[in-house]
Amino acid sequence: MERERRRTPRYVFFASAELFEEKSEVRIASRVSELSLYGCYLDMMNPFPKDTMVLLKIWADEMVFQTKGRIIYAQPNMGAGVVFLGVQPEFLPILQHWLEVTAKKQ
């Protein structure tokens, strides 16, 4: 049995998302399916390659969370794992709220 390697729990969480890769100026609409304090999983057909730096926006419950991130793994035709980098203080309460509400439901 493989040991869980994540620092915090990951929860099933559905929200709209958008990734923006600054170098190529490419935007990809996506959907969040899992969320944690340090990252998320995005469902998408054509994910950016591993180690791509992105700006990530997530919308849910009339709130918006935004942060820089890095693709930590990509699965063609499925999605990508993103680690959050340098979450700004004004966005942290939104993320924490989503996690608290989601944890209570699961």
PDB file of N, CA and C in Angstrom:
ATOM      1  N   MET A   1       0.839  -1.182   0.000  1.00  0.00           N
ATOM      2  CA  MET A   1       0.000   0.000   0.000  1.00  0.00           C
ATOM      3  C   MET A   1       0.880   1.239   0.000  1.00  0.00           C
ATOM      4  N   GLU A   2       0.592   2.162  -0.906  1.00  0.00           N
ATOM      5  CA  GLU A   2       1.402   3.372  -1.015  1.00  0.00           C
ATOM      6  C   GLU A   2       1.016   4.359   0.082  1.00  0.00           C
ATOM      7  N   ARG A   3       2.029   4.945   0.699  1.00  0.00           N
ATOM      8  CA  ARG A   3       1.803   5.907   1.771  1.00  0.00           C
ATOM      9  C   ARG A   3       1.425   7.265   1.180  1.00  0.00           C
ATOM     10  N   GLU A   4       0.470   7.943   1.786  1.00  0.00           N
ATOM     11  CA  GLU A   4       0.047   9.277   1.366  1.00  0.00           C
ATOM     12  C   GLU A   4       1.212  10.242   1.527  1.00  0.00           C
ATOM     13  N   ARG A   5       1.549  10.987   0.464  1.00  0.00           N
ATOM     14  CA  ARG A   5       2.692  11.892   0.495  1.00  0.00           C
ATOM     15  C   ARG A   5       2.302  13.356   0.666  1.00  0.00           C
ATOM     16  N   ARG A   6       1.034  13.660   0.679  1.00  0.00           N
ATOM     17  CA  ARG A   6       0.602  15.053   0.762  1.00  0.00           C
ATOM     18  C   ARG A   6       0.754  15.585   2.183  1.00  0.00           C
ATOM     19  N   ARG A   7       1.026  16.889   2.265  1.00  0.00           N
ATOM     20  CA  ARG A   7       1.195  17.540   3.563  1.00  0.00           C
ATOM     21  C   ARG A   7      -0.132  17.760   4.273  1.00  0.00           C
ATOM     22  N   THR A   8      -1.193  17.984   3.508  1.00  0.00           N
ATOM     23  CA  THR A   8      -2.525  18.225   4.060  1.00  0.00           C
ATOM     24  C   THR A   8      -3.539  17.422   3.255  1.00  0.00           C
ATOM     25  N   PRO A   9      -4.723  17.206   3.806  1.00  0.00           N
ATOM     26  CA  PRO A   9      -5.737  16.441   3.068  1.00  0.00           C
ATOM     27  C   PRO A   9      -6.146  17.138   1.772  1.00  0.00           C
ATOM     28  N   ARG A  10      -6.517  16.333   0.801  1.00  0.00           N
ATOM     29  CA  ARG A  10      -7.059  16.830  -0.459  1.00  0.00           C
ATOM     30  C   ARG A  10      -8.532  16.445  -0.461  1.00  0.00           C
ATOM     31  N   TYR A  11      -9.388  17.409  -0.796  1.00  0.00           N
ATOM     32  CA  TYR A  11     -10.832  17.194  -0.753  1.00  0.00           C
ATOM     33  C   TYR A  11     -11.446  17.279  -2.149  1.00  0.00           C
ATOM     34  N   VAL A  12     -12.495  16.517  -2.360  1.00  0.00           N
ATOM     35  CA  VAL A  12     -13.273  16.644  -3.583  1.00  0.00           C
ATOM     36  C   VAL A  12     -13.905  18.029  -3.548  1.00  0.00           C
ATOM     37  N   PHE A  13     -13.692  18.804  -4.593  1.00  0.00           N
ATOM     38  CA  PHE A  13     -14.155  20.190  -4.646  1.00  0.00           C
ATOM     39  C   PHE A  13     -14.334  20.562  -6.110  1.00  0.00           C
ATOM     40  N   PHE A  14     -15.514  21.037  -6.466  1.00  0.00           N
ATOM     41  CA  PHE A  14     -15.772  21.385  -7.859  1.00  0.00           C
ATOM     42  C   PHE A  14     -15.918  22.891  -8.012  1.00  0.00           C
ATOM     43  N   ALA A  15     -15.156  23.452  -8.958  1.00  0.00           N
ATOM     44  CA  ALA A  15     -15.192  24.890  -9.220  1.00  0.00           C
ATOM     45  C   ALA A  15     -14.638  25.148 -10.615  1.00  0.00           C
ATOM     46  N   SER A  16     -14.981  26.295 -11.156  1.00  0.00           N
ATOM     47  CA  SER A  16     -14.416  26.715 -12.446  1.00  0.00           C
ATOM     48  C   SER A  16     -13.020  27.270 -12.210  1.00  0.00           C
ATOM     49  N   ALA A  17     -12.166  27.108 -13.211  1.00  0.00           N
ATOM     50  CA  ALA A  17     -10.796  27.596 -13.082  1.00  0.00           C
ATOM     51  C   ALA A  17     -10.268  28.068 -14.435  1.00  0.00           C
ATOM     52  N   GLU A  18      -9.234  28.883 -14.361  1.00  0.00           N
ATOM     53  CA  GLU A  18      -8.543  29.334 -15.564  1.00  0.00           C
ATOM     54  C   GLU A  18      -7.052  29.375 -15.270  1.00  0.00           C
ATOM     55  N   LEU A  19      -6.275  28.840 -16.197  1.00  0.00           N
ATOM     56  CA  LEU A  19      -4.813  28.900 -16.096  1.00  0.00           C
ATOM     57  C   LEU A  19      -4.307  29.852 -17.166  1.00  0.00           C
ATOM     58  N   PHE A  20      -3.309  30.633 -16.814  1.00  0.00           N
ATOM     59  CA  PHE A  20      -2.684  31.541 -17.770  1.00  0.00           C
ATOM     60  C   PHE A  20      -1.179  31.324 -17.713  1.00  0.00           C
ATOM     61  N   GLU A  21      -0.587  30.980 -18.852  1.00  0.00           N
ATOM     62  CA  GLU A  21       0.857  30.794 -18.943  1.00  0.00           C
ATOM     63  C   GLU A  21       1.416  32.061 -19.585  1.00  0.00           C
ATOM     64  N   GLU A  22       2.189  32.835 -18.807  1.00  0.00           N
ATOM     65  CA  GLU A  22       2.627  34.165 -19.228  1.00  0.00           C
ATOM     66  C   GLU A  22       3.541  34.179 -20.450  1.00  0.00           C
ATOM     67  N   LYS A  23       4.473  33.250 -20.548  1.00  0.00           N
ATOM     68  CA  LYS A  23       5.433  33.272 -21.658  1.00  0.00           C
ATOM     69  C   LYS A  23       4.744  33.140 -23.007  1.00  0.00           C
ATOM     70  N   SER A  24       3.802  32.222 -23.120  1.00  0.00           N
ATOM     71  CA  SER A  24       3.118  32.003 -24.391  1.00  0.00           C
ATOM     72  C   SER A  24       1.807  32.776 -24.487  1.00  0.00           C
ATOM     73  N   GLU A  25       1.384  33.377 -23.360  1.00  0.00           N
ATOM     74  CA  GLU A  25       0.114  34.094 -23.265  1.00  0.00           C
ATOM     75  C   GLU A  25      -1.078  33.187 -23.594  1.00  0.00           C
ATOM     76  N   VAL A  26      -0.967  31.910 -23.226  1.00  0.00           N
ATOM     77  CA  VAL A  26      -2.032  30.939 -23.463  1.00  0.00           C
ATOM     78  C   VAL A  26      -2.909  30.845 -22.222  1.00  0.00           C
ATOM     79  N   ARG A  27      -4.222  30.880 -22.444  1.00  0.00           N
ATOM     80  CA  ARG A  27      -5.209  30.686 -21.373  1.00  0.00           C
ATOM     81  C   ARG A  27      -5.944  29.376 -21.620  1.00  0.00           C
ATOM     82  N   ILE A  28      -6.158  28.641 -20.539  1.00  0.00           N
ATOM     83  CA  ILE A  28      -6.914  27.394 -20.632  1.00  0.00           C
ATOM     84  C   ILE A  28      -8.007  27.413 -19.567  1.00  0.00           C
ATOM     85  N   ALA A  29      -9.236  27.228 -19.995  1.00  0.00           N
ATOM     86  CA  ALA A  29     -10.337  27.074 -19.048  1.00  0.00           C
ATOM     87  C   ALA A  29     -10.306  25.643 -18.532  1.00  0.00           C
ATOM     88  N   SER A  30     -10.613  25.491 -17.262  1.00  0.00           N
ATOM     89  CA  SER A  30     -10.529  24.179 -16.643  1.00  0.00           C
ATOM     90  C   SER A  30     -11.575  24.066 -15.543  1.00  0.00           C
ATOM     91  N   ARG A  31     -11.504  22.949 -14.840  1.00  0.00           N
ATOM     92  CA  ARG A  31     -12.412  22.705 -13.720  1.00  0.00           C
ATOM     93  C   ARG A  31     -11.616  22.038 -12.609  1.00  0.00           C
ATOM     94  N   VAL A  32     -11.745  22.574 -11.405  1.00  0.00           N
ATOM     95  CA  VAL A  32     -11.110  21.978 -10.230  1.00  0.00           C
ATOM     96  C   VAL A  32     -11.948  20.774  -9.806  1.00  0.00           C
ATOM     97  N   SER A  33     -11.266  19.659  -9.501  1.00  0.00           N
ATOM     98  CA  SER A  33     -11.992  18.505  -8.974  1.00  0.00           C
ATOM     99  C   SER A  33     -11.499  18.102  -7.585  1.00  0.00           C
ATOM    100  N   GLU A  34     -10.310  18.551  -7.203  1.00  0.00           N
ATOM    101  CA  GLU A  34      -9.774  18.296  -5.861  1.00  0.00           C
ATOM    102  C   GLU A  34      -9.007  19.530  -5.407  1.00  0.00           C
ATOM    103  N   LEU A  35      -9.059  19.805  -4.092  1.00  0.00           N
ATOM    104  CA  LEU A  35      -8.440  21.009  -3.544  1.00  0.00           C
ATOM    105  C   LEU A  35      -7.775  20.691  -2.214  1.00  0.00           C
ATOM    106  N   SER A  36      -6.613  21.303  -1.984  1.00  0.00           N
ATOM    107  CA  SER A  36      -5.943  21.219  -0.688  1.00  0.00           C
ATOM    108  C   SER A  36      -5.366  22.593  -0.373  1.00  0.00           C
ATOM    109  N   LEU A  37      -4.753  22.725   0.784  1.00  0.00           N
ATOM    110  CA  LEU A  37      -4.156  23.992   1.183  1.00  0.00           C
ATOM    111  C   LEU A  37      -2.981  24.368   0.289  1.00  0.00           C
ATOM    112  N   TYR A  38      -2.335  23.377  -0.315  1.00  0.00           N
ATOM    113  CA  TYR A  38      -1.117  23.643  -1.082  1.00  0.00           C
ATOM    114  C   TYR A  38      -1.251  23.420  -2.579  1.00  0.00           C
ATOM    115  N   GLY A  39      -2.431  22.994  -3.051  1.00  0.00           N
ATOM    116  CA  GLY A  39      -2.566  22.761  -4.480  1.00  0.00           C
ATOM    117  C   GLY A  39      -3.923  22.211  -4.842  1.00  0.00           C
ATOM    118  N   CYS A  40      -4.045  21.844  -6.109  1.00  0.00           N
ATOM    119  CA  CYS A  40      -5.328  21.318  -6.585  1.00  0.00           C
ATOM    120  C   CYS A  40      -5.096  20.416  -7.794  1.00  0.00           C
ATOM    121  N   TYR A  41      -6.168  19.713  -8.162  1.00  0.00           N
ATOM    122  CA  TYR A  41      -6.153  18.923  -9.388  1.00  0.00           C
ATOM    123  C   TYR A  41      -7.159  19.554 -10.331  1.00  0.00           C
ATOM    124  N   LEU A  42      -6.731  19.754 -11.580  1.00  0.00           N
ATOM    125  CA  LEU A  42      -7.570  20.379 -12.593  1.00  0.00           C
ATOM    126  C   LEU A  42      -7.897  19.384 -13.693  1.00  0.00           C
ATOM    127  N   ASP A  43      -9.178  19.266 -14.009  1.00  0.00           N
ATOM    128  CA  ASP A  43      -9.607  18.417 -15.122  1.00  0.00           C
ATOM    129  C   ASP A  43      -9.461  19.216 -16.414  1.00  0.00           C
ATOM    130  N   MET A  44      -8.730  18.657 -17.386  1.00  0.00           N
ATOM    131  CA  MET A  44      -8.578  19.310 -18.688  1.00  0.00           C
ATOM    132  C   MET A  44      -8.013  18.317 -19.686  1.00  0.00           C
ATOM    133  N   MET A  45      -8.361  18.494 -20.936  1.00  0.00           N
ATOM    134  CA  MET A  45      -7.916  17.574 -21.980  1.00  0.00           C
ATOM    135  C   MET A  45      -6.441  17.753 -22.337  1.00  0.00           C
ATOM    136  N   ASN A  46      -5.992  18.996 -22.427  1.00  0.00           N
ATOM    137  CA  ASN A  46      -4.623  19.284 -22.866  1.00  0.00           C
ATOM    138  C   ASN A  46      -3.885  20.107 -21.821  1.00  0.00           C
ATOM    139  N   PRO A  47      -3.420  19.472 -20.755  1.00  0.00           N
ATOM    140  CA  PRO A  47      -2.738  20.233 -19.699  1.00  0.00           C
ATOM    141  C   PRO A  47      -1.376  20.743 -20.156  1.00  0.00           C
ATOM    142  N   PHE A  48      -0.933  21.817 -19.513  1.00  0.00           N
ATOM    143  CA  PHE A  48       0.424  22.302 -19.739  1.00  0.00           C
ATOM    144  C   PHE A  48       1.402  21.225 -19.272  1.00  0.00           C
ATOM    145  N   PRO A  49       2.615  21.215 -19.820  1.00  0.00           N
ATOM    146  CA  PRO A  49       3.622  20.234 -19.385  1.00  0.00           C
ATOM    147  C   PRO A  49       4.067  20.453 -17.931  1.00  0.00           C
ATOM    148  N   LYS A  50       4.612  19.398 -17.348  1.00  0.00           N
ATOM    149  CA  LYS A  50       5.170  19.455 -15.995  1.00  0.00           C
ATOM    150  C   LYS A  50       6.159  20.617 -15.900  1.00  0.00           C
ATOM    151  N   ASP A  51       6.143  21.293 -14.758  1.00  0.00           N
ATOM    152  CA  ASP A  51       7.015  22.420 -14.412  1.00  0.00           C
ATOM    153  C   ASP A  51       6.644  23.737 -15.096  1.00  0.00           C
ATOM    154  N   THR A  52       5.533  23.780 -15.823  1.00  0.00           N
ATOM    155  CA  THR A  52       5.068  25.043 -16.400  1.00  0.00           C
ATOM    156  C   THR A  52       4.574  25.946 -15.275  1.00  0.00           C
ATOM    157  N   MET A  53       5.011  27.209 -15.286  1.00  0.00           N
ATOM    158  CA  MET A  53       4.561  28.195 -14.312  1.00  0.00           C
ATOM    159  C   MET A  53       3.280  28.835 -14.841  1.00  0.00           C
ATOM    160  N   VAL A  54       2.277  28.968 -13.974  1.00  0.00           N
ATOM    161  CA  VAL A  54       0.980  29.498 -14.402  1.00  0.00           C
ATOM    162  C   VAL A  54       0.433  30.483 -13.371  1.00  0.00           C
ATOM    163  N   LEU A  55      -0.504  31.292 -13.829  1.00  0.00           N
ATOM    164  CA  LEU A  55      -1.347  32.076 -12.941  1.00  0.00           C
ATOM    165  C   LEU A  55      -2.674  31.351 -12.923  1.00  0.00           C
ATOM    166  N   LEU A  56      -3.176  31.027 -11.741  1.00  0.00           N
ATOM    167  CA  LEU A  56      -4.387  30.234 -11.593  1.00  0.00           C
ATOM    168  C   LEU A  56      -5.476  31.054 -10.911  1.00  0.00           C
ATOM    169  N   LYS A  57      -6.681  31.020 -11.499  1.00  0.00           N
ATOM    170  CA  LYS A  57      -7.853  31.640 -10.888  1.00  0.00           C
ATOM    171  C   LYS A  57      -8.903  30.554 -10.716  1.00  0.00           C
ATOM    172  N   ILE A  58      -9.539  30.547  -9.533  1.00  0.00           N
ATOM    173  CA  ILE A  58     -10.597  29.586  -9.237  1.00  0.00           C
ATOM    174  C   ILE A  58     -11.822  30.374  -8.759  1.00  0.00           C
ATOM    175  N   TRP A  59     -12.999  30.011  -9.307  1.00  0.00           N
ATOM    176  CA  TRP A  59     -14.257  30.660  -8.923  1.00  0.00           C
ATOM    177  C   TRP A  59     -15.193  29.646  -8.281  1.00  0.00           C
ATOM    178  N   ALA A  60     -15.739  29.990  -7.111  1.00  0.00           N
ATOM    179  CA  ALA A  60     -16.756  29.164  -6.458  1.00  0.00           C
ATOM    180  C   ALA A  60     -17.467  30.008  -5.405  1.00  0.00           C
ATOM    181  N   ASP A  61     -18.740  29.766  -5.212  1.00  0.00           N
ATOM    182  CA  ASP A  61     -19.525  30.458  -4.179  1.00  0.00           C
ATOM    183  C   ASP A  61     -19.375  31.979  -4.259  1.00  0.00           C
ATOM    184  N   GLU A  62     -19.356  32.515  -5.478  1.00  0.00           N
ATOM    185  CA  GLU A  62     -19.216  33.959  -5.718  1.00  0.00           C
ATOM    186  C   GLU A  62     -17.921  34.536  -5.149  1.00  0.00           C
ATOM    187  N   MET A  63     -16.910  33.691  -4.980  1.00  0.00           N
ATOM    188  CA  MET A  63     -15.597  34.129  -4.512  1.00  0.00           C
ATOM    189  C   MET A  63     -14.548  33.719  -5.536  1.00  0.00           C
ATOM    190  N   VAL A  64     -13.456  34.479  -5.574  1.00  0.00           N
ATOM    191  CA  VAL A  64     -12.365  34.189  -6.502  1.00  0.00           C
ATOM    192  C   VAL A  64     -11.068  34.046  -5.719  1.00  0.00           C
ATOM    193  N   PHE A  65     -10.353  32.972  -6.022  1.00  0.00           N
ATOM    194  CA  PHE A  65      -9.026  32.708  -5.449  1.00  0.00           C
ATOM    195  C   PHE A  65      -8.033  32.791  -6.592  1.00  0.00           C
ATOM    196  N   GLN A  66      -6.921  33.462  -6.360  1.00  0.00           N
ATOM    197  CA  GLN A  66      -5.906  33.607  -7.405  1.00  0.00           C
ATOM    198  C   GLN A  66      -4.525  33.406  -6.804  1.00  0.00           C
ATOM    199  N   THR A  67      -3.679  32.694  -7.531  1.00  0.00           N
ATOM    200  CA  THR A  67      -2.300  32.489  -7.080  1.00  0.00           C
ATOM    201  C   THR A  67      -1.425  32.075  -8.248  1.00  0.00           C
ATOM    202  N   LYS A  68      -0.141  32.211  -8.059  1.00  0.00           N
ATOM    203  CA  LYS A  68       0.800  31.615  -9.008  1.00  0.00           C
ATOM    204  C   LYS A  68       0.907  30.143  -8.663  1.00  0.00           C
ATOM    205  N   GLY A  69       1.253  29.337  -9.658  1.00  0.00           N
ATOM    206  CA  GLY A  69       1.389  27.914  -9.425  1.00  0.00           C
ATOM    207  C   GLY A  69       2.336  27.276 -10.413  1.00  0.00           C
ATOM    208  N   ARG A  70       2.593  26.004 -10.181  1.00  0.00           N
ATOM    209  CA  ARG A  70       3.460  25.223 -11.066  1.00  0.00           C
ATOM    210  C   ARG A  70       2.807  23.872 -11.286  1.00  0.00           C
ATOM    211  N   ILE A  71       2.800  23.444 -12.529  1.00  0.00           N
ATOM    212  CA  ILE A  71       2.275  22.118 -12.854  1.00  0.00           C
ATOM    213  C   ILE A  71       3.262  21.091 -12.294  1.00  0.00           C
ATOM    214  N   ILE A  72       2.796  20.213 -11.397  1.00  0.00           N
ATOM    215  CA  ILE A  72       3.702  19.222 -10.819  1.00  0.00           C
ATOM    216  C   ILE A  72       3.569  17.857 -11.482  1.00  0.00           C
ATOM    217  N   TYR A  73       2.437  17.619 -12.134  1.00  0.00           N
ATOM    218  CA  TYR A  73       2.317  16.453 -12.996  1.00  0.00           C
ATOM    219  C   TYR A  73       1.177  16.701 -13.972  1.00  0.00           C
ATOM    220  N   ALA A  74       1.310  16.131 -15.149  1.00  0.00           N
ATOM    221  CA  ALA A  74       0.294  16.293 -16.193  1.00  0.00           C
ATOM    222  C   ALA A  74      -0.103  14.918 -16.718  1.00  0.00           C
ATOM    223  N   GLN A  75      -1.396  14.734 -16.921  1.00  0.00           N
ATOM    224  CA  GLN A  75      -1.930  13.491 -17.450  1.00  0.00           C
ATOM    225  C   GLN A  75      -2.724  13.833 -18.709  1.00  0.00           C
ATOM    226  N   PRO A  76      -2.162  13.563 -19.904  1.00  0.00           N
ATOM    227  CA  PRO A  76      -2.859  13.902 -21.148  1.00  0.00           C
ATOM    228  C   PRO A  76      -4.283  13.333 -21.165  1.00  0.00           C
ATOM    229  N   ASN A  77      -5.200  14.128 -21.666  1.00  0.00           N
ATOM    230  CA  ASN A  77      -6.620  13.785 -21.762  1.00  0.00           C
ATOM    231  C   ASN A  77      -7.307  13.619 -20.414  1.00  0.00           C
ATOM    232  N   MET A  78      -6.646  14.012 -19.325  1.00  0.00           N
ATOM    233  CA  MET A  78      -7.249  13.883 -17.991  1.00  0.00           C
ATOM    234  C   MET A  78      -7.144  15.181 -17.190  1.00  0.00           C
ATOM    235  N   GLY A  79      -5.907  15.648 -16.965  1.00  0.00           N
ATOM    236  CA  GLY A  79      -5.750  16.849 -16.163  1.00  0.00           C
ATOM    237  C   GLY A  79      -4.346  17.032 -15.647  1.00  0.00           C
ATOM    238  N   ALA A  80      -4.235  17.873 -14.608  1.00  0.00           N
ATOM    239  CA  ALA A  80      -2.920  18.206 -14.069  1.00  0.00           C
ATOM    240  C   ALA A  80      -3.010  18.545 -12.594  1.00  0.00           C
ATOM    241  N   GLY A  81      -1.943  18.238 -11.878  1.00  0.00           N
ATOM    242  CA  GLY A  81      -1.789  18.646 -10.490  1.00  0.00           C
ATOM    243  C   GLY A  81      -1.027  19.948 -10.452  1.00  0.00           C
ATOM    244  N   VAL A  82      -1.502  20.889  -9.657  1.00  0.00           N
ATOM    245  CA  VAL A  82      -0.873  22.206  -9.552  1.00  0.00           C
ATOM    246  C   VAL A  82      -0.523  22.469  -8.090  1.00  0.00           C
ATOM    247  N   VAL A  83       0.696  22.915  -7.852  1.00  0.00           N
ATOM    248  CA  VAL A  83       1.085  23.347  -6.512  1.00  0.00           C
ATOM    249  C   VAL A  83       0.972  24.863  -6.482  1.00  0.00           C
ATOM    250  N   PHE A  84       0.383  25.392  -5.397  1.00  0.00           N
ATOM    251  CA  PHE A  84       0.255  26.832  -5.233  1.00  0.00           C
ATOM    252  C   PHE A  84       1.596  27.405  -4.792  1.00  0.00           C
ATOM    253  N   LEU A  85       1.946  28.566  -5.343  1.00  0.00           N
ATOM    254  CA  LEU A  85       3.196  29.236  -4.998  1.00  0.00           C
ATOM    255  C   LEU A  85       2.913  30.662  -4.530  1.00  0.00           C
ATOM    256  N   GLY A  86       3.349  30.988  -3.355  1.00  0.00           N
ATOM    257  CA  GLY A  86       3.235  32.358  -2.864  1.00  0.00           C
ATOM    258  C   GLY A  86       1.822  32.901  -2.820  1.00  0.00           C
ATOM    259  N   VAL A  87       0.915  32.181  -2.169  1.00  0.00           N
ATOM    260  CA  VAL A  87      -0.462  32.659  -2.055  1.00  0.00           C
ATOM    261  C   VAL A  87      -0.468  33.990  -1.307  1.00  0.00           C
ATOM    262  N   GLN A  88      -1.069  34.993  -1.911  1.00  0.00           N
ATOM    263  CA  GLN A  88      -1.147  36.324  -1.305  1.00  0.00           C
ATOM    264  C   GLN A  88      -2.095  36.296  -0.107  1.00  0.00           C
ATOM    265  N   PRO A  89      -1.802  37.088   0.936  1.00  0.00           N
ATOM    266  CA  PRO A  89      -2.613  37.073   2.157  1.00  0.00           C
ATOM    267  C   PRO A  89      -4.102  37.332   1.928  1.00  0.00           C
ATOM    268  N   GLU A  90      -4.460  38.139   0.941  1.00  0.00           N
ATOM    269  CA  GLU A  90      -5.881  38.441   0.726  1.00  0.00           C
ATOM    270  C   GLU A  90      -6.663  37.262   0.152  1.00  0.00           C
ATOM    271  N   PHE A  91      -5.957  36.278  -0.432  1.00  0.00           N
ATOM    272  CA  PHE A  91      -6.633  35.118  -1.013  1.00  0.00           C
ATOM    273  C   PHE A  91      -6.660  33.904  -0.074  1.00  0.00           C
ATOM    274  N   LEU A  92      -5.810  33.889   0.921  1.00  0.00           N
ATOM    275  CA  LEU A  92      -5.735  32.748   1.837  1.00  0.00           C
ATOM    276  C   LEU A  92      -7.054  32.489   2.580  1.00  0.00           C
ATOM    277  N   PRO A  93      -7.755  33.522   3.082  1.00  0.00           N
ATOM    278  CA  PRO A  93      -9.031  33.251   3.767  1.00  0.00           C
ATOM    279  C   PRO A  93     -10.076  32.586   2.861  1.00  0.00           C
ATOM    280  N   ILE A  94     -10.067  32.896   1.577  1.00  0.00           N
ATOM    281  CA  ILE A  94     -11.011  32.274   0.641  1.00  0.00           C
ATOM    282  C   ILE A  94     -10.711  30.786   0.540  1.00  0.00           C
ATOM    283  N   LEU A  95      -9.442  30.453   0.353  1.00  0.00           N
ATOM    284  CA  LEU A  95      -9.033  29.057   0.264  1.00  0.00           C
ATOM    285  C   LEU A  95      -9.378  28.308   1.550  1.00  0.00           C
ATOM    286  N   GLN A  96      -9.073  28.902   2.679  1.00  0.00           N
ATOM    287  CA  GLN A  96      -9.361  28.263   3.967  1.00  0.00           C
ATOM    288  C   GLN A  96     -10.861  28.057   4.164  1.00  0.00           C
ATOM    289  N   HIS A  97     -11.668  29.031   3.749  1.00  0.00           N
ATOM    290  CA  HIS A  97     -13.127  28.899   3.849  1.00  0.00           C
ATOM    291  C   HIS A  97     -13.604  27.710   3.025  1.00  0.00           C
ATOM    292  N   TRP A  98     -13.173  27.624   1.773  1.00  0.00           N
ATOM    293  CA  TRP A  98     -13.580  26.512   0.912  1.00  0.00           C
ATOM    294  C   TRP A  98     -13.199  25.173   1.534  1.00  0.00           C
ATOM    295  N   LEU A  99     -11.989  25.083   2.085  1.00  0.00           N
ATOM    296  CA  LEU A  99     -11.531  23.836   2.681  1.00  0.00           C
ATOM    297  C   LEU A  99     -12.350  23.465   3.919  1.00  0.00           C
ATOM    298  N   GLU A 100     -12.644  24.448   4.766  1.00  0.00           N
ATOM    299  CA  GLU A 100     -13.442  24.185   5.968  1.00  0.00           C
ATOM    300  C   GLU A 100     -14.838  23.703   5.613  1.00  0.00           C
ATOM    301  N   VAL A 101     -15.488  24.381   4.683  1.00  0.00           N
ATOM    302  CA  VAL A 101     -16.849  23.999   4.272  1.00  0.00           C
ATOM    303  C   VAL A 101     -16.841  22.612   3.634  1.00  0.00           C
ATOM    304  N   THR A 102     -15.854  22.363   2.788  1.00  0.00           N
ATOM    305  CA  THR A 102     -15.768  21.067   2.099  1.00  0.00           C
ATOM    306  C   THR A 102     -15.454  19.945   3.072  1.00  0.00           C
ATOM    307  N   ALA A 103     -14.575  20.176   4.029  1.00  0.00           N
ATOM    308  CA  ALA A 103     -14.217  19.150   5.023  1.00  0.00           C
ATOM    309  C   ALA A 103     -15.437  18.728   5.842  1.00  0.00           C
ATOM    310  N   LYS A 104     -16.307  19.666   6.157  1.00  0.00           N
ATOM    311  CA  LYS A 104     -17.509  19.360   6.945  1.00  0.00           C
ATOM    312  C   LYS A 104     -18.476  18.484   6.159  1.00  0.00           C
ATOM    313  N   LYS A 105     -18.482  18.620   4.845  1.00  0.00           N
ATOM    314  CA  LYS A 105     -19.394  17.855   3.992  1.00  0.00           C
ATOM    315  C   LYS A 105     -18.905  16.427   3.762  1.00  0.00           C
ATOM    316  N   GLN A 106     -17.618  16.187   3.963  1.00  0.00           N
ATOM    317  CA  GLN A 106     -17.042  14.865   3.612  1.00  0.00           C
ATOM    318  C   GLN A 106     -16.758  14.016   4.807  1.00  0.00           C
TER     319      GLN A 106
END
